Amino acid sequence: MNVLQQRAEHSAAAPAPRARVVIAKPGLDGHDRGAKVIARALRDAGYEVIYTGLHQTPEQIVATVIAEDAPLLGLSVLSGAHLTIVQRVIELLAREEASDVRLLVGGIIPDADVRSLETMGVDAVFTPGADIRSIVETVDALSTDRTEVQETTC
C-alpha cells in the first residue's frame, strides 16, 4: 500500500469532528500551558479546536466564536479577573444573539466564585487538578445537549 492509499484509508476511518470549540486566553495572563493541554485533549477526542492564543480581549474572543460558528467556548483564566471577563463575554455573546454558546471556564477560580460564575450562565467551571477526562466528558455532554435542542427546534 502506498502513502496516498494509507492517507485515504486513514481519513476515511477518522471520525468527523464532533463540534467546534474555541479555547481562549483572555486578558493579560501569559501562562497558557493548561489551555493548550485542554485544546489537545479535545482535539484528540474528535473536536475541532480553535485556540485563540494569549492576550485576547472579550471582543476578540466573541468575534472568533461568531466567525467560527462555534457552539462551545472555553476560557482559561489565571489572572483573577474571571468574574469581570466572563460577564463581558456573556454580554457580548448576547449582543451577537449567540447566548446559546455553551461556556466553560477553567483556571484559578476560588470556590466562592464558582457559584457566581454558574449564576452568570457558565455551564461548567474547572479548577486546578481537574481531571482531563472529566473535562472532555463535560464537553461531550454539553455538545450533545445542544445538538438535541437544535434537532428538536429545526
C-alpha atoms as a PDB file:
ATOM      1  CA  MET A   1       0.000   0.000   0.000  1.00  0.00           C
ATOM      2  CA  ASN A   2       1.462   3.344  -0.977  1.00  0.00           C
ATOM      3  CA  VAL A   3       1.439   6.520   1.114  1.00  0.00           C
ATOM      4  CA  LEU A   4      -1.558   8.044  -0.699  1.00  0.00           C
ATOM      5  CA  GLN A   5      -3.635   4.904  -0.151  1.00  0.00           C
ATOM      6  CA  GLN A   6      -2.674   4.896   3.542  1.00  0.00           C
ATOM      7  CA  ARG A   7      -3.702   8.549   3.921  1.00  0.00           C
ATOM      8  CA  ALA A   8      -7.007   7.949   2.125  1.00  0.00           C
ATOM      9  CA  GLU A   9      -7.719   4.917   4.294  1.00  0.00           C
ATOM     10  CA  HIS A  10      -6.821   6.857   7.461  1.00  0.00           C
ATOM     11  CA  SER A  11      -9.033   9.824   6.539  1.00  0.00           C
ATOM     12  CA  ALA A  12     -11.920   7.536   5.639  1.00  0.00           C
ATOM     13  CA  ALA A  13     -11.606   5.836   9.029  1.00  0.00           C
ATOM     14  CA  ALA A  14     -11.225   9.064  11.005  1.00  0.00           C
ATOM     15  CA  PRO A  15     -14.441  10.215  12.646  1.00  0.00           C
ATOM     16  CA  ALA A  16     -15.925  13.536  11.593  1.00  0.00           C
ATOM     17  CA  PRO A  17     -15.253  16.339  14.070  1.00  0.00           C
ATOM     18  CA  ARG A  18     -17.912  16.451  16.779  1.00  0.00           C
ATOM     19  CA  ALA A  19     -18.178  20.227  17.147  1.00  0.00           C
ATOM     20  CA  ARG A  20     -16.078  23.349  17.065  1.00  0.00           C
ATOM     21  CA  VAL A  21     -14.673  24.538  20.362  1.00  0.00           C
ATOM     22  CA  VAL A  22     -12.950  27.880  20.837  1.00  0.00           C
ATOM     23  CA  ILE A  23     -10.342  27.878  23.602  1.00  0.00           C
ATOM     24  CA  ALA A  24      -9.338  31.394  24.633  1.00  0.00           C
ATOM     25  CA  LYS A  25      -6.898  33.100  26.979  1.00  0.00           C
ATOM     26  CA  PRO A  26      -8.414  36.467  27.895  1.00  0.00           C
ATOM     27  CA  GLY A  27      -6.619  39.375  29.447  1.00  0.00           C
ATOM     28  CA  LEU A  28      -3.014  39.861  30.410  1.00  0.00           C
ATOM     29  CA  ASP A  29      -2.445  36.320  31.636  1.00  0.00           C
ATOM     30  CA  GLY A  30       0.630  34.938  29.879  1.00  0.00           C
ATOM     31  CA  HIS A  31       0.501  31.299  31.004  1.00  0.00           C
ATOM     32  CA  ASP A  32      -1.257  29.034  28.519  1.00  0.00           C
ATOM     33  CA  ARG A  33       0.014  25.522  29.169  1.00  0.00           C
ATOM     34  CA  GLY A  34      -3.321  24.416  30.670  1.00  0.00           C
ATOM     35  CA  ALA A  35      -5.304  25.834  27.757  1.00  0.00           C
ATOM     36  CA  LYS A  36      -3.054  24.003  25.308  1.00  0.00           C
ATOM     37  CA  VAL A  37      -3.418  20.726  27.220  1.00  0.00           C
ATOM     38  CA  ILE A  38      -7.208  21.035  27.130  1.00  0.00           C
ATOM     39  CA  ALA A  39      -7.167  22.032  23.454  1.00  0.00           C
ATOM     40  CA  ARG A  40      -5.140  18.951  22.626  1.00  0.00           C
ATOM     41  CA  ALA A  41      -7.325  16.636  24.719  1.00  0.00           C
ATOM     42  CA  LEU A  42     -10.446  17.935  22.975  1.00  0.00           C
ATOM     43  CA  ARG A  43      -8.794  17.616  19.574  1.00  0.00           C
ATOM     44  CA  ASP A  44      -7.813  14.033  20.384  1.00  0.00           C
ATOM     45  CA  ALA A  45     -11.436  13.386  21.393  1.00  0.00           C
ATOM     46  CA  GLY A  46     -12.598  14.434  17.927  1.00  0.00           C
ATOM     47  CA  TYR A  47     -13.425  18.100  18.420  1.00  0.00           C
ATOM     48  CA  GLU A  48     -12.368  20.819  16.021  1.00  0.00           C
ATOM     49  CA  VAL A  49     -10.457  23.169  18.312  1.00  0.00           C
ATOM     50  CA  ILE A  50      -9.705  26.801  17.574  1.00  0.00           C
ATOM     51  CA  TYR A  51      -7.127  28.193  20.000  1.00  0.00           C
ATOM     52  CA  THR A  52      -7.049  31.999  20.036  1.00  0.00           C
ATOM     53  CA  GLY A  53      -3.656  32.449  21.657  1.00  0.00           C
ATOM     54  CA  LEU A  54      -2.698  34.745  24.502  1.00  0.00           C
ATOM     55  CA  HIS A  55      -3.902  38.229  25.467  1.00  0.00           C
ATOM     56  CA  GLN A  56      -7.333  38.178  23.839  1.00  0.00           C
ATOM     57  CA  THR A  57      -9.980  40.762  24.632  1.00  0.00           C
ATOM     58  CA  PRO A  58     -13.563  39.639  25.223  1.00  0.00           C
ATOM     59  CA  GLU A  59     -14.439  41.343  21.927  1.00  0.00           C
ATOM     60  CA  GLN A  60     -11.806  39.320  20.046  1.00  0.00           C
ATOM     61  CA  ILE A  61     -12.933  36.102  21.689  1.00  0.00           C
ATOM     62  CA  VAL A  62     -16.601  36.610  20.827  1.00  0.00           C
ATOM     63  CA  ALA A  63     -15.678  37.635  17.277  1.00  0.00           C
ATOM     64  CA  THR A  64     -13.810  34.339  16.918  1.00  0.00           C
ATOM     65  CA  VAL A  65     -16.757  32.349  18.281  1.00  0.00           C
ATOM     66  CA  ILE A  66     -19.085  34.047  15.790  1.00  0.00           C
ATOM     67  CA  ALA A  67     -16.685  33.743  12.836  1.00  0.00           C
ATOM     68  CA  GLU A  68     -16.067  30.054  13.550  1.00  0.00           C
ATOM     69  CA  ASP A  69     -19.731  29.325  14.337  1.00  0.00           C
ATOM     70  CA  ALA A  70     -18.567  27.516  17.465  1.00  0.00           C
ATOM     71  CA  PRO A  71     -21.209  26.189  19.850  1.00  0.00           C
ATOM     72  CA  LEU A  72     -18.676  25.822  22.682  1.00  0.00           C
ATOM     73  CA  LEU A  73     -16.301  28.326  24.284  1.00  0.00           C
ATOM     74  CA  GLY A  74     -13.680  27.534  26.884  1.00  0.00           C
ATOM     75  CA  LEU A  75     -11.998  30.378  28.761  1.00  0.00           C
ATOM     76  CA  SER A  76      -8.772  29.793  30.660  1.00  0.00           C
ATOM     77  CA  VAL A  77      -8.257  32.494  33.281  1.00  0.00           C
ATOM     78  CA  LEU A  78      -5.415  32.538  35.779  1.00  0.00           C
ATOM     79  CA  SER A  79      -5.265  36.285  36.397  1.00  0.00           C
ATOM     80  CA  GLY A  80      -8.092  36.616  38.905  1.00  0.00           C
ATOM     81  CA  ALA A  81     -10.211  38.674  36.513  1.00  0.00           C
ATOM     82  CA  HIS A  82     -12.597  35.794  35.740  1.00  0.00           C
ATOM     83  CA  LEU A  83     -15.786  37.449  37.039  1.00  0.00           C
ATOM     84  CA  THR A  84     -15.260  40.638  35.023  1.00  0.00           C
ATOM     85  CA  ILE A  85     -14.114  38.849  31.863  1.00  0.00           C
ATOM     86  CA  VAL A  86     -16.864  36.243  31.910  1.00  0.00           C
ATOM     87  CA  GLN A  87     -19.558  38.883  32.474  1.00  0.00           C
ATOM     88  CA  ARG A  88     -18.273  40.863  29.479  1.00  0.00           C
ATOM     89  CA  VAL A  89     -18.081  37.756  27.254  1.00  0.00           C
ATOM     90  CA  ILE A  90     -21.649  36.809  28.177  1.00  0.00           C
ATOM     91  CA  GLU A  91     -22.859  40.357  27.408  1.00  0.00           C
ATOM     92  CA  LEU A  92     -21.117  40.316  24.027  1.00  0.00           C
ATOM     93  CA  LEU A  93     -22.485  36.868  23.152  1.00  0.00           C
ATOM     94  CA  ALA A  94     -25.988  38.130  23.961  1.00  0.00           C
ATOM     95  CA  ARG A  95     -25.447  41.228  21.822  1.00  0.00           C
ATOM     96  CA  GLU A  96     -24.432  38.955  18.917  1.00  0.00           C
ATOM     97  CA  GLU A  97     -27.509  36.752  19.502  1.00  0.00           C
ATOM     98  CA  ALA A  98     -25.232  33.874  20.475  1.00  0.00           C
ATOM     99  CA  SER A  99     -26.433  33.272  24.017  1.00  0.00           C
ATOM    100  CA  ASP A 100     -26.786  29.581  23.178  1.00  0.00           C
ATOM    101  CA  VAL A 101     -22.993  29.150  23.074  1.00  0.00           C
ATOM    102  CA  ARG A 102     -22.033  26.799  25.908  1.00  0.00           C
ATOM    103  CA  LEU A 103     -19.421  28.382  28.173  1.00  0.00           C
ATOM    104  CA  LEU A 104     -16.746  26.616  30.199  1.00  0.00           C
ATOM    105  CA  VAL A 105     -14.257  28.373  32.454  1.00  0.00           C
ATOM    106  CA  GLY A 106     -11.075  26.934  33.871  1.00  0.00           C
ATOM    107  CA  GLY A 107      -8.187  28.249  35.873  1.00  0.00           C
ATOM    108  CA  ILE A 108      -7.500  29.690  39.270  1.00  0.00           C
ATOM    109  CA  ILE A 109     -11.099  30.126  40.397  1.00  0.00           C
ATOM    110  CA  PRO A 110     -11.773  30.488  44.128  1.00  0.00           C
ATOM    111  CA  ASP A 111     -14.510  28.185  45.407  1.00  0.00           C
ATOM    112  CA  ALA A 112     -16.555  31.234  46.415  1.00  0.00           C
ATOM    113  CA  ASP A 113     -16.645  32.408  42.763  1.00  0.00           C
ATOM    114  CA  VAL A 114     -17.770  29.107  41.209  1.00  0.00           C
ATOM    115  CA  ARG A 115     -21.412  29.699  42.161  1.00  0.00           C
ATOM    116  CA  SER A 116     -21.247  33.296  40.891  1.00  0.00           C
ATOM    117  CA  LEU A 117     -19.975  32.084  37.515  1.00  0.00           C
ATOM    118  CA  GLU A 118     -22.704  29.453  37.303  1.00  0.00           C
ATOM    119  CA  THR A 119     -25.320  32.084  38.168  1.00  0.00           C
ATOM    120  CA  MET A 120     -23.993  34.254  35.329  1.00  0.00           C
ATOM    121  CA  GLY A 121     -24.601  31.374  32.922  1.00  0.00           C
ATOM    122  CA  VAL A 122     -21.332  29.433  32.857  1.00  0.00           C
ATOM    123  CA  ASP A 123     -22.081  25.783  32.101  1.00  0.00           C
ATOM    124  CA  ALA A 124     -19.029  24.298  33.848  1.00  0.00           C
ATOM    125  CA  VAL A 125     -16.128  25.523  35.965  1.00  0.00           C
ATOM    126  CA  PHE A 126     -12.846  23.648  36.292  1.00  0.00           C
ATOM    127  CA  THR A 127     -10.252  24.433  38.936  1.00  0.00           C
ATOM    128  CA  PRO A 128      -6.635  23.252  39.232  1.00  0.00           C
ATOM    129  CA  GLY A 129      -6.366  19.486  39.373  1.00  0.00           C
ATOM    130  CA  ALA A 130      -9.493  18.854  37.315  1.00  0.00           C
ATOM    131  CA  ASP A 131      -9.303  15.515  35.533  1.00  0.00           C
ATOM    132  CA  ILE A 132      -8.865  15.968  31.782  1.00  0.00           C
ATOM    133  CA  ARG A 133     -11.156  13.008  31.087  1.00  0.00           C
ATOM    134  CA  SER A 134     -13.958  14.641  33.099  1.00  0.00           C
ATOM    135  CA  ILE A 135     -13.455  17.886  31.161  1.00  0.00           C
ATOM    136  CA  VAL A 136     -13.823  16.021  27.855  1.00  0.00           C
ATOM    137  CA  GLU A 137     -16.889  14.186  29.207  1.00  0.00           C
ATOM    138  CA  THR A 138     -18.434  17.507  30.244  1.00  0.00           C
ATOM    139  CA  VAL A 139     -17.810  18.940  26.772  1.00  0.00           C
ATOM    140  CA  ASP A 140     -19.348  15.778  25.303  1.00  0.00           C
ATOM    141  CA  ALA A 141     -22.462  16.259  27.433  1.00  0.00           C
ATOM    142  CA  LEU A 142     -22.761  19.969  26.633  1.00  0.00           C
ATOM    143  CA  SER A 143     -22.253  19.294  22.931  1.00  0.00           C
ATOM    144  CA  THR A 144     -24.880  16.540  22.961  1.00  0.00           C
ATOM    145  CA  ASP A 145     -27.372  18.713  24.858  1.00  0.00           C
ATOM    146  CA  ARG A 146     -27.041  21.498  22.284  1.00  0.00           C
ATOM    147  CA  THR A 147     -27.402  19.088  19.354  1.00  0.00           C
ATOM    148  CA  GLU A 148     -30.596  17.635  20.821  1.00  0.00           C
ATOM    149  CA  VAL A 149     -32.026  21.116  21.353  1.00  0.00           C
ATOM    150  CA  GLN A 150     -31.191  22.142  17.779  1.00  0.00           C
ATOM    151  CA  GLU A 151     -32.719  18.971  16.343  1.00  0.00           C
ATOM    152  CA  THR A 152     -35.994  19.497  18.170  1.00  0.00           C
ATOM    153  CA  THR A 153     -36.272  23.144  17.112  1.00  0.00           C
ATOM    154  CA  CYS A 154     -35.387  22.685  13.441  1.00  0.00           C
END
